[in-house]
Amino acid sequence: MSTPRLVHEIGQVIKNEDWVLTANTLSSWALKLWDFDKPYRHPGMALGTSTQIGISTGVALAHRGTGRLVVDIQPDGDLMFDPGTLWIGAHDNIPMLVVMYNNRAYYNDWEHQIRMATQRGTDEKLAYIGMEIDNPAPDFATIAKGMGCYGEGPITDGDKVAPALKRAIEFIKKENKPALVDTVTQFR
């Protein structure tokens, strides 16, 4: 599914919740499509690779007990660096909706590898080595379950995102722990 479609689907499900979006706005699509009507809706942007899940957990901890739904749109490459943070959320009862932005790549670095190949005159087709998160694709839903969280996916059909998000939110409200929905988006 496309990035704007994913943002739209999330927005439609959370619009009647008192929500907080953590670090990722998906290339500002959330800022364009959602109503940021309260100052706490978005604390700021991500800081770089392997920081978002930690930042998001901290935001969720800060809002724990407020009844707000904390939403982390989590890049797959970023979570590859610290999946154990999901365990912390489950262990310490830190409720958070983790929606995987799974394009199956460390894509920011992949783009850099392509630029460097062009500059050096080497084969751009080799830029995927070490950048592709596929073959095999990590099963983020199973990883989440293994850490004591709710996990569902991977979901490639945009029509199936909203029902999965609703199930995850019900889990969060009942169990007071993180729930992860793995959504696979188009390759950039």
N, C-alpha and C. Protein backbone atom coordinates (compact mmCIF):
# COMPACT_ATOMS: atom_id res chain seq x y z
N MET A 1 0.85 -1.18 0.00
CA MET A 1 0.00 0.00 0.00
C MET A 1 0.89 1.24 0.00
N SER A 2 0.35 2.34 -0.39
CA SER A 2 1.12 3.58 -0.43
C SER A 2 1.23 4.19 0.97
N THR A 3 2.22 5.03 1.15
CA THR A 3 2.41 5.73 2.42
C THR A 3 1.19 6.60 2.78
N PRO A 4 0.67 7.43 1.85
CA PRO A 4 -0.52 8.21 2.20
C PRO A 4 -1.72 7.34 2.58
N ARG A 5 -1.86 6.19 1.94
CA ARG A 5 -2.97 5.29 2.28
C ARG A 5 -2.82 4.80 3.71
N LEU A 6 -1.62 4.40 4.09
CA LEU A 6 -1.39 3.94 5.46
C LEU A 6 -1.72 5.04 6.46
N VAL A 7 -1.25 6.25 6.21
CA VAL A 7 -1.52 7.37 7.11
C VAL A 7 -3.03 7.63 7.20
N HIS A 8 -3.71 7.57 6.07
CA HIS A 8 -5.17 7.77 6.06
C HIS A 8 -5.87 6.71 6.90
N GLU A 9 -5.51 5.46 6.73
CA GLU A 9 -6.14 4.37 7.47
C GLU A 9 -5.94 4.53 8.97
N ILE A 10 -4.73 4.85 9.38
CA ILE A 10 -4.46 5.06 10.81
C ILE A 10 -5.31 6.23 11.32
N GLY A 11 -5.30 7.33 10.58
CA GLY A 11 -6.05 8.52 10.99
C GLY A 11 -7.53 8.27 11.16
N GLN A 12 -8.10 7.46 10.26
CA GLN A 12 -9.53 7.17 10.35
C GLN A 12 -9.86 6.36 11.61
N VAL A 13 -8.95 5.47 12.00
CA VAL A 13 -9.21 4.64 13.18
C VAL A 13 -9.02 5.41 14.48
N ILE A 14 -8.04 6.31 14.51
CA ILE A 14 -7.74 6.99 15.78
C ILE A 14 -8.46 8.33 15.96
N LYS A 15 -9.14 8.82 14.95
CA LYS A 15 -9.70 10.18 15.00
C LYS A 15 -10.66 10.40 16.16
N ASN A 16 -11.31 9.37 16.66
CA ASN A 16 -12.22 9.52 17.80
C ASN A 16 -11.57 9.17 19.13
N GLU A 17 -10.29 8.90 19.10
CA GLU A 17 -9.51 8.65 20.32
C GLU A 17 -8.80 9.95 20.73
N ASP A 18 -8.37 10.01 21.96
CA ASP A 18 -7.48 11.09 22.39
C ASP A 18 -6.07 10.58 22.14
N TRP A 19 -5.49 10.93 20.99
CA TRP A 19 -4.26 10.31 20.52
C TRP A 19 -3.05 11.24 20.60
N VAL A 20 -1.89 10.60 20.58
CA VAL A 20 -0.60 11.28 20.51
C VAL A 20 0.22 10.54 19.47
N LEU A 21 0.74 11.23 18.47
CA LEU A 21 1.64 10.63 17.49
C LEU A 21 3.07 10.86 17.97
N THR A 22 3.85 9.80 18.00
CA THR A 22 5.24 9.95 18.45
C THR A 22 6.08 10.56 17.34
N ALA A 23 7.23 10.04 17.03
CA ALA A 23 8.24 10.71 16.23
C ALA A 23 7.98 10.79 14.72
N ASN A 24 7.40 9.77 14.11
CA ASN A 24 7.36 9.67 12.66
C ASN A 24 6.05 10.20 12.08
N THR A 25 6.12 11.13 11.15
CA THR A 25 4.93 11.65 10.47
C THR A 25 4.81 11.13 9.04
N LEU A 26 5.65 10.16 8.67
CA LEU A 26 5.68 9.58 7.32
C LEU A 26 5.75 10.66 6.25
N SER A 27 6.90 11.27 6.19
CA SER A 27 7.16 12.31 5.19
C SER A 27 6.11 13.41 5.23
N SER A 28 5.66 13.74 6.43
CA SER A 28 4.69 14.80 6.72
C SER A 28 3.27 14.48 6.28
N TRP A 29 2.99 13.26 5.83
CA TRP A 29 1.62 12.91 5.43
C TRP A 29 0.66 13.01 6.61
N ALA A 30 1.10 12.60 7.80
CA ALA A 30 0.21 12.71 8.97
C ALA A 30 -0.10 14.18 9.26
N LEU A 31 0.88 15.05 9.10
CA LEU A 31 0.66 16.48 9.34
C LEU A 31 -0.34 17.06 8.34
N LYS A 32 -0.37 16.49 7.14
CA LYS A 32 -1.29 16.96 6.10
C LYS A 32 -2.70 16.40 6.26
N LEU A 33 -2.81 15.16 6.77
CA LEU A 33 -4.10 14.46 6.76
C LEU A 33 -4.82 14.41 8.11
N TRP A 34 -4.12 14.61 9.20
CA TRP A 34 -4.73 14.50 10.52
C TRP A 34 -4.95 15.88 11.13
N ASP A 35 -5.84 15.96 12.08
CA ASP A 35 -6.14 17.21 12.78
C ASP A 35 -5.32 17.28 14.07
N PHE A 36 -4.27 18.05 14.03
CA PHE A 36 -3.42 18.25 15.21
C PHE A 36 -3.99 19.41 16.03
N ASP A 37 -5.08 19.13 16.73
CA ASP A 37 -5.85 20.16 17.42
C ASP A 37 -5.45 20.40 18.87
N LYS A 38 -4.51 19.63 19.38
CA LYS A 38 -4.04 19.81 20.76
C LYS A 38 -2.52 19.85 20.76
N PRO A 39 -1.92 20.62 21.66
CA PRO A 39 -0.46 20.77 21.63
C PRO A 39 0.31 19.48 21.90
N TYR A 40 -0.28 18.52 22.59
CA TYR A 40 0.44 17.29 22.90
C TYR A 40 0.33 16.23 21.78
N ARG A 41 -0.36 16.53 20.71
CA ARG A 41 -0.58 15.54 19.66
C ARG A 41 0.72 15.02 19.04
N HIS A 42 1.76 15.85 18.98
CA HIS A 42 3.02 15.43 18.35
C HIS A 42 4.20 16.13 19.01
N PRO A 43 5.03 15.38 19.77
CA PRO A 43 6.15 16.00 20.48
C PRO A 43 7.34 16.37 19.62
N GLY A 44 7.44 15.85 18.39
CA GLY A 44 8.57 16.20 17.53
C GLY A 44 9.02 15.03 16.68
N MET A 45 9.95 15.30 15.80
CA MET A 45 10.40 14.33 14.81
C MET A 45 11.42 13.35 15.39
N ALA A 46 11.64 12.26 14.65
CA ALA A 46 12.63 11.25 15.02
C ALA A 46 14.03 11.85 14.91
N LEU A 47 14.96 11.24 15.61
CA LEU A 47 16.33 11.75 15.62
C LEU A 47 17.26 11.00 14.69
N GLY A 48 16.87 9.86 14.19
CA GLY A 48 17.72 9.10 13.29
C GLY A 48 17.64 7.61 13.58
N THR A 49 18.42 6.86 12.87
CA THR A 49 18.39 5.40 12.94
C THR A 49 18.54 4.88 14.36
N SER A 50 17.70 3.94 14.69
CA SER A 50 17.66 3.20 15.96
C SER A 50 17.26 4.06 17.16
N THR A 51 16.57 5.16 16.91
CA THR A 51 16.13 6.01 18.02
C THR A 51 14.62 5.99 18.22
N GLN A 52 13.86 5.69 17.17
CA GLN A 52 12.43 5.93 17.25
C GLN A 52 11.71 5.06 18.26
N ILE A 53 11.98 3.75 18.31
CA ILE A 53 11.24 2.90 19.25
C ILE A 53 11.52 3.35 20.69
N GLY A 54 12.72 3.78 20.98
CA GLY A 54 13.04 4.28 22.32
C GLY A 54 12.34 5.58 22.62
N ILE A 55 12.36 6.51 21.67
CA ILE A 55 11.66 7.79 21.84
C ILE A 55 10.17 7.53 22.04
N SER A 56 9.61 6.67 21.21
CA SER A 56 8.17 6.37 21.28
C SER A 56 7.79 5.74 22.61
N THR A 57 8.63 4.85 23.11
CA THR A 57 8.37 4.24 24.42
C THR A 57 8.41 5.30 25.51
N GLY A 58 9.34 6.23 25.41
CA GLY A 58 9.40 7.33 26.38
C GLY A 58 8.17 8.22 26.33
N VAL A 59 7.70 8.51 25.13
CA VAL A 59 6.47 9.31 24.97
C VAL A 59 5.29 8.55 25.56
N ALA A 60 5.22 7.24 25.29
CA ALA A 60 4.13 6.43 25.83
C ALA A 60 4.19 6.37 27.36
N LEU A 61 5.39 6.28 27.90
CA LEU A 61 5.54 6.28 29.36
C LEU A 61 5.07 7.61 29.94
N ALA A 62 5.39 8.71 29.28
CA ALA A 62 4.98 10.03 29.75
C ALA A 62 3.46 10.19 29.75
N HIS A 63 2.78 9.51 28.83
CA HIS A 63 1.32 9.63 28.72
C HIS A 63 0.58 8.48 29.40
N ARG A 64 1.34 7.52 29.98
CA ARG A 64 0.70 6.38 30.64
C ARG A 64 -0.24 6.89 31.74
N GLY A 65 -1.42 6.32 31.78
CA GLY A 65 -2.39 6.69 32.80
C GLY A 65 -3.28 7.86 32.42
N THR A 66 -3.06 8.48 31.25
CA THR A 66 -3.87 9.62 30.82
C THR A 66 -5.08 9.20 29.99
N GLY A 67 -5.09 7.95 29.54
CA GLY A 67 -6.15 7.49 28.65
C GLY A 67 -5.89 7.83 27.19
N ARG A 68 -4.77 8.47 26.90
CA ARG A 68 -4.44 8.81 25.52
C ARG A 68 -3.87 7.59 24.79
N LEU A 69 -4.19 7.48 23.53
CA LEU A 69 -3.65 6.44 22.68
C LEU A 69 -2.37 6.96 22.04
N VAL A 70 -1.25 6.40 22.43
CA VAL A 70 0.04 6.80 21.86
C VAL A 70 0.29 5.93 20.63
N VAL A 71 0.56 6.59 19.50
CA VAL A 71 0.73 5.92 18.22
C VAL A 71 2.16 6.12 17.73
N ASP A 72 2.82 5.01 17.49
CA ASP A 72 4.17 5.01 16.94
C ASP A 72 4.10 4.43 15.54
N ILE A 73 4.37 5.23 14.51
CA ILE A 73 4.49 4.71 13.15
C ILE A 73 5.97 4.33 13.00
N GLN A 74 6.23 3.05 13.15
CA GLN A 74 7.58 2.53 13.38
C GLN A 74 8.24 1.99 12.12
N PRO A 75 9.35 2.60 11.69
CA PRO A 75 10.07 2.07 10.54
C PRO A 75 10.68 0.70 10.86
N ASP A 76 10.63 -0.19 9.87
CA ASP A 76 11.15 -1.54 10.07
C ASP A 76 12.64 -1.56 10.35
N GLY A 77 13.40 -0.79 9.61
CA GLY A 77 14.85 -0.77 9.83
C GLY A 77 15.21 -0.29 11.22
N ASP A 78 14.49 0.70 11.71
CA ASP A 78 14.74 1.23 13.04
C ASP A 78 14.47 0.17 14.11
N LEU A 79 13.37 -0.56 13.98
CA LEU A 79 13.05 -1.58 14.99
C LEU A 79 14.04 -2.74 14.95
N MET A 80 14.66 -2.99 13.82
CA MET A 80 15.67 -4.05 13.72
C MET A 80 16.81 -3.82 14.71
N PHE A 81 17.09 -2.56 15.06
CA PHE A 81 18.18 -2.27 15.97
C PHE A 81 17.86 -2.54 17.43
N ASP A 82 16.58 -2.46 17.82
CA ASP A 82 16.24 -2.60 19.23
C ASP A 82 14.85 -3.18 19.46
N PRO A 83 14.60 -4.40 18.97
CA PRO A 83 13.27 -4.99 19.20
C PRO A 83 13.00 -5.27 20.67
N GLY A 84 14.03 -5.36 21.48
CA GLY A 84 13.85 -5.61 22.91
C GLY A 84 13.08 -4.51 23.62
N THR A 85 12.99 -3.34 23.00
CA THR A 85 12.21 -2.26 23.59
C THR A 85 10.74 -2.65 23.70
N LEU A 86 10.27 -3.51 22.81
CA LEU A 86 8.89 -4.01 22.92
C LEU A 86 8.70 -4.77 24.24
N TRP A 87 9.70 -5.53 24.62
CA TRP A 87 9.63 -6.27 25.89
C TRP A 87 9.51 -5.29 27.06
N ILE A 88 10.25 -4.19 27.03
CA ILE A 88 10.18 -3.20 28.09
C ILE A 88 8.75 -2.68 28.21
N GLY A 89 8.12 -2.38 27.08
CA GLY A 89 6.74 -1.91 27.09
C GLY A 89 5.79 -2.92 27.70
N ALA A 90 5.98 -4.20 27.36
CA ALA A 90 5.12 -5.26 27.92
C ALA A 90 5.41 -5.46 29.41
N HIS A 91 6.67 -5.50 29.76
CA HIS A 91 7.06 -5.74 31.15
C HIS A 91 6.60 -4.62 32.08
N ASP A 92 6.73 -3.39 31.61
CA ASP A 92 6.42 -2.24 32.45
C ASP A 92 5.05 -1.63 32.16
N ASN A 93 4.20 -2.37 31.45
CA ASN A 93 2.84 -1.92 31.15
C ASN A 93 2.80 -0.50 30.58
N ILE A 94 3.48 -0.33 29.46
CA ILE A 94 3.51 0.95 28.77
C ILE A 94 2.66 0.80 27.51
N PRO A 95 1.41 1.26 27.54
CA PRO A 95 0.52 1.07 26.38
C PRO A 95 0.93 1.94 25.21
N MET A 96 0.96 1.31 24.02
CA MET A 96 1.34 2.05 22.82
C MET A 96 0.91 1.24 21.60
N LEU A 97 0.39 1.93 20.60
CA LEU A 97 0.07 1.31 19.32
C LEU A 97 1.26 1.49 18.39
N VAL A 98 1.88 0.39 18.02
CA VAL A 98 3.02 0.40 17.11
C VAL A 98 2.51 -0.06 15.74
N VAL A 99 2.54 0.86 14.77
CA VAL A 99 2.13 0.53 13.41
C VAL A 99 3.40 0.49 12.58
N MET A 100 3.74 -0.71 12.12
CA MET A 100 4.97 -0.84 11.35
C MET A 100 4.83 -0.17 9.99
N TYR A 101 5.78 0.67 9.69
CA TYR A 101 5.97 1.25 8.36
C TYR A 101 7.05 0.38 7.73
N ASN A 102 6.61 -0.72 7.16
CA ASN A 102 7.52 -1.77 6.74
C ASN A 102 7.69 -1.73 5.23
N ASN A 103 8.77 -1.12 4.78
CA ASN A 103 9.06 -1.13 3.35
C ASN A 103 10.16 -2.13 3.02
N ARG A 104 10.50 -2.94 4.03
CA ARG A 104 11.46 -4.04 3.89
C ARG A 104 12.82 -3.57 3.39
N ALA A 105 13.24 -2.41 3.96
CA ALA A 105 14.54 -1.88 3.55
C ALA A 105 15.04 -0.86 4.57
N TYR A 106 16.36 -0.77 4.67
CA TYR A 106 17.00 0.37 5.33
C TYR A 106 17.11 1.42 4.21
N TYR A 107 15.97 2.01 3.85
CA TYR A 107 15.92 2.74 2.60
C TYR A 107 16.72 4.04 2.60
N ASN A 108 16.78 4.77 3.70
CA ASN A 108 17.57 6.01 3.68
C ASN A 108 19.02 5.71 3.31
N ASP A 109 19.56 4.64 3.88
CA ASP A 109 20.93 4.28 3.56
C ASP A 109 21.04 3.70 2.15
N TRP A 110 20.01 2.99 1.73
CA TRP A 110 20.00 2.43 0.37
C TRP A 110 20.12 3.55 -0.66
N GLU A 111 19.38 4.62 -0.47
CA GLU A 111 19.49 5.77 -1.37
C GLU A 111 20.92 6.32 -1.38
N HIS A 112 21.54 6.35 -0.20
CA HIS A 112 22.92 6.82 -0.10
C HIS A 112 23.85 5.88 -0.88
N GLN A 113 23.62 4.58 -0.74
CA GLN A 113 24.46 3.61 -1.46
C GLN A 113 24.33 3.80 -2.97
N ILE A 114 23.14 4.10 -3.45
CA ILE A 114 22.93 4.35 -4.88
C ILE A 114 23.69 5.61 -5.31
N ARG A 115 23.60 6.67 -4.51
CA ARG A 115 24.35 7.91 -4.83
C ARG A 115 25.85 7.66 -4.88
N MET A 116 26.35 6.90 -3.92
CA MET A 116 27.79 6.61 -3.87
C MET A 116 28.20 5.74 -5.05
N ALA A 117 27.36 4.78 -5.43
CA ALA A 117 27.68 3.93 -6.59
C ALA A 117 27.77 4.78 -7.85
N THR A 118 26.83 5.70 -8.00
CA THR A 118 26.84 6.60 -9.16
C THR A 118 28.10 7.45 -9.16
N GLN A 119 28.42 8.00 -8.01
CA GLN A 119 29.60 8.87 -7.89
C GLN A 119 30.90 8.09 -8.16
N ARG A 120 30.95 6.84 -7.72
CA ARG A 120 32.18 6.04 -7.86
C ARG A 120 32.23 5.24 -9.15
N GLY A 121 31.11 5.24 -9.89
CA GLY A 121 31.08 4.50 -11.14
C GLY A 121 30.95 2.99 -10.94
N THR A 122 30.37 2.59 -9.83
CA THR A 122 30.15 1.16 -9.58
C THR A 122 28.70 0.80 -9.88
N ASP A 123 28.40 -0.48 -9.86
CA ASP A 123 27.08 -0.97 -10.23
C ASP A 123 26.03 -0.64 -9.17
N GLU A 124 25.06 0.21 -9.53
CA GLU A 124 23.97 0.59 -8.61
C GLU A 124 23.12 -0.61 -8.20
N LYS A 125 23.08 -1.63 -9.04
CA LYS A 125 22.26 -2.81 -8.74
C LYS A 125 22.74 -3.55 -7.50
N LEU A 126 23.94 -3.28 -7.06
CA LEU A 126 24.47 -3.94 -5.86
C LEU A 126 24.19 -3.15 -4.58
N ALA A 127 23.54 -2.02 -4.72
CA ALA A 127 23.26 -1.16 -3.55
C ALA A 127 22.34 -1.84 -2.53
N TYR A 128 21.58 -2.84 -2.95
CA TYR A 128 20.66 -3.52 -2.04
C TYR A 128 21.38 -4.35 -0.98
N ILE A 129 22.63 -4.73 -1.22
CA ILE A 129 23.35 -5.62 -0.30
C ILE A 129 23.49 -4.93 1.06
N GLY A 130 22.95 -5.58 2.07
CA GLY A 130 22.98 -5.03 3.42
C GLY A 130 21.91 -3.98 3.69
N MET A 131 21.11 -3.64 2.67
CA MET A 131 20.08 -2.62 2.82
C MET A 131 18.68 -3.23 2.76
N GLU A 132 18.54 -4.34 2.08
CA GLU A 132 17.25 -5.01 1.92
C GLU A 132 16.90 -5.76 3.20
N ILE A 133 15.68 -5.58 3.69
CA ILE A 133 15.20 -6.33 4.86
C ILE A 133 14.14 -7.30 4.33
N ASP A 134 14.62 -8.29 3.60
CA ASP A 134 13.73 -9.24 2.93
C ASP A 134 14.56 -10.49 2.62
N ASN A 135 13.84 -11.55 2.27
CA ASN A 135 14.50 -12.81 1.88
C ASN A 135 15.41 -13.39 2.96
N PRO A 136 14.94 -13.63 4.15
CA PRO A 136 13.55 -13.62 4.57
C PRO A 136 13.14 -12.27 5.16
N ALA A 137 11.86 -11.97 5.06
CA ALA A 137 11.31 -10.76 5.70
C ALA A 137 11.10 -11.07 7.17
N PRO A 138 11.56 -10.21 8.08
CA PRO A 138 11.30 -10.44 9.50
C PRO A 138 9.80 -10.48 9.79
N ASP A 139 9.40 -11.33 10.69
CA ASP A 139 8.01 -11.44 11.10
C ASP A 139 7.84 -10.59 12.36
N PHE A 140 7.58 -9.31 12.16
CA PHE A 140 7.49 -8.38 13.28
C PHE A 140 6.34 -8.70 14.23
N ALA A 141 5.25 -9.23 13.71
CA ALA A 141 4.12 -9.61 14.59
C ALA A 141 4.55 -10.72 15.54
N THR A 142 5.28 -11.71 15.03
CA THR A 142 5.75 -12.79 15.89
C THR A 142 6.79 -12.29 16.88
N ILE A 143 7.63 -11.39 16.44
CA ILE A 143 8.62 -10.78 17.36
C ILE A 143 7.89 -10.08 18.50
N ALA A 144 6.85 -9.30 18.16
CA ALA A 144 6.07 -8.59 19.19
C ALA A 144 5.44 -9.58 20.16
N LYS A 145 4.83 -10.63 19.64
CA LYS A 145 4.22 -11.64 20.51
C LYS A 145 5.27 -12.28 21.42
N GLY A 146 6.44 -12.53 20.87
CA GLY A 146 7.53 -13.11 21.65
C GLY A 146 8.02 -12.21 22.77
N MET A 147 7.77 -10.94 22.65
CA MET A 147 8.16 -9.96 23.67
C MET A 147 7.02 -9.67 24.65
N GLY A 148 5.87 -10.35 24.48
CA GLY A 148 4.74 -10.17 25.39
C GLY A 148 3.73 -9.13 24.94
N CYS A 149 3.81 -8.71 23.70
CA CYS A 149 2.90 -7.71 23.14
C CYS A 149 1.88 -8.39 22.23
N TYR A 150 0.91 -7.63 21.79
CA TYR A 150 0.00 -8.07 20.74
C TYR A 150 0.73 -7.92 19.42
N GLY A 151 0.56 -8.84 18.51
CA GLY A 151 1.15 -8.73 17.19
C GLY A 151 0.21 -9.23 16.12
N GLU A 152 0.13 -8.49 15.02
CA GLU A 152 -0.70 -8.90 13.89
C GLU A 152 -0.05 -8.44 12.60
N GLY A 153 -0.13 -9.28 11.58
CA GLY A 153 0.42 -8.94 10.28
C GLY A 153 1.36 -10.03 9.81
N PRO A 154 2.01 -9.81 8.69
CA PRO A 154 2.06 -8.58 7.90
C PRO A 154 0.79 -8.36 7.07
N ILE A 155 0.44 -7.10 6.92
CA ILE A 155 -0.75 -6.70 6.16
C ILE A 155 -0.29 -5.90 4.95
N THR A 156 -0.68 -6.36 3.77
CA THR A 156 -0.32 -5.67 2.53
C THR A 156 -1.51 -4.98 1.88
N ASP A 157 -2.70 -5.34 2.30
CA ASP A 157 -3.94 -4.81 1.73
C ASP A 157 -4.46 -3.67 2.61
N GLY A 158 -4.52 -2.47 2.07
CA GLY A 158 -4.98 -1.30 2.81
C GLY A 158 -6.36 -1.47 3.42
N ASP A 159 -7.22 -2.28 2.81
CA ASP A 159 -8.56 -2.50 3.34
C ASP A 159 -8.55 -3.31 4.63
N LYS A 160 -7.46 -3.98 4.92
CA LYS A 160 -7.37 -4.81 6.12
C LYS A 160 -6.67 -4.11 7.29
N VAL A 161 -6.19 -2.90 7.07
CA VAL A 161 -5.47 -2.17 8.11
C VAL A 161 -6.40 -1.74 9.23
N ALA A 162 -7.50 -1.09 8.92
CA ALA A 162 -8.40 -0.56 9.97
C ALA A 162 -8.90 -1.64 10.91
N PRO A 163 -9.39 -2.80 10.42
CA PRO A 163 -9.83 -3.82 11.37
C PRO A 163 -8.70 -4.31 12.28
N ALA A 164 -7.50 -4.43 11.72
CA ALA A 164 -6.36 -4.87 12.54
C ALA A 164 -6.03 -3.82 13.60
N LEU A 165 -6.05 -2.55 13.23
CA LEU A 165 -5.77 -1.48 14.20
C LEU A 165 -6.82 -1.47 15.32
N LYS A 166 -8.07 -1.70 14.97
CA LYS A 166 -9.13 -1.73 15.98
C LYS A 166 -8.91 -2.88 16.97
N ARG A 167 -8.50 -4.04 16.47
CA ARG A 167 -8.20 -5.17 17.36
C ARG A 167 -7.03 -4.84 18.27
N ALA A 168 -6.02 -4.19 17.72
CA ALA A 168 -4.85 -3.82 18.51
C ALA A 168 -5.21 -2.81 19.60
N ILE A 169 -6.04 -1.83 19.27
CA ILE A 169 -6.46 -0.82 20.26
C ILE A 169 -7.26 -1.47 21.38
N GLU A 170 -8.11 -2.42 21.03
CA GLU A 170 -8.87 -3.14 22.07
C GLU A 170 -7.93 -3.87 23.02
N PHE A 171 -6.88 -4.49 22.47
CA PHE A 171 -5.88 -5.16 23.30
C PHE A 171 -5.21 -4.16 24.23
N ILE A 172 -4.80 -3.02 23.69
CA ILE A 172 -4.12 -1.99 24.50
C ILE A 172 -5.01 -1.56 25.65
N LYS A 173 -6.27 -1.31 25.37
CA LYS A 173 -7.20 -0.86 26.41
C LYS A 173 -7.44 -1.92 27.47
N LYS A 174 -7.41 -3.17 27.07
CA LYS A 174 -7.66 -4.27 28.00
C LYS A 174 -6.41 -4.65 28.79
N GLU A 175 -5.27 -4.74 28.10
CA GLU A 175 -4.04 -5.28 28.70
C GLU A 175 -3.04 -4.21 29.17
N ASN A 176 -3.21 -2.97 28.69
CA ASN A 176 -2.30 -1.89 29.07
C ASN A 176 -0.85 -2.19 28.67
N LYS A 177 -0.69 -2.76 27.47
CA LYS A 177 0.62 -3.12 26.93
C LYS A 177 0.67 -2.71 25.47
N PRO A 178 1.86 -2.74 24.88
CA PRO A 178 1.98 -2.40 23.46
C PRO A 178 1.31 -3.42 22.55
N ALA A 179 0.83 -2.91 21.43
CA ALA A 179 0.29 -3.75 20.36
C ALA A 179 0.94 -3.32 19.06
N LEU A 180 1.40 -4.27 18.28
CA LEU A 180 2.09 -3.99 17.03
C LEU A 180 1.27 -4.55 15.87
N VAL A 181 1.04 -3.71 14.87
CA VAL A 181 0.40 -4.13 13.62
C VAL A 181 1.42 -3.88 12.51
N ASP A 182 1.83 -4.97 11.87
CA ASP A 182 2.83 -4.89 10.81
C ASP A 182 2.16 -4.62 9.48
N THR A 183 2.36 -3.43 8.94
CA THR A 183 1.82 -3.06 7.64
C THR A 183 2.97 -2.91 6.65
N VAL A 184 2.81 -3.54 5.52
CA VAL A 184 3.85 -3.51 4.48
C VAL A 184 3.46 -2.45 3.46
N THR A 185 4.35 -1.51 3.25
CA THR A 185 4.09 -0.40 2.34
C THR A 185 4.90 -0.55 1.06
N GLN A 186 4.56 0.28 0.12
CA GLN A 186 5.29 0.24 -1.15
C GLN A 186 6.76 0.50 -0.91
N PHE A 187 7.55 -0.08 -1.78
CA PHE A 187 8.99 0.16 -1.75
C PHE A 187 9.24 1.52 -2.37
N ARG A 188 10.00 2.36 -1.69
CA ARG A 188 10.21 3.72 -2.22
C ARG A 188 11.07 3.69 -3.45
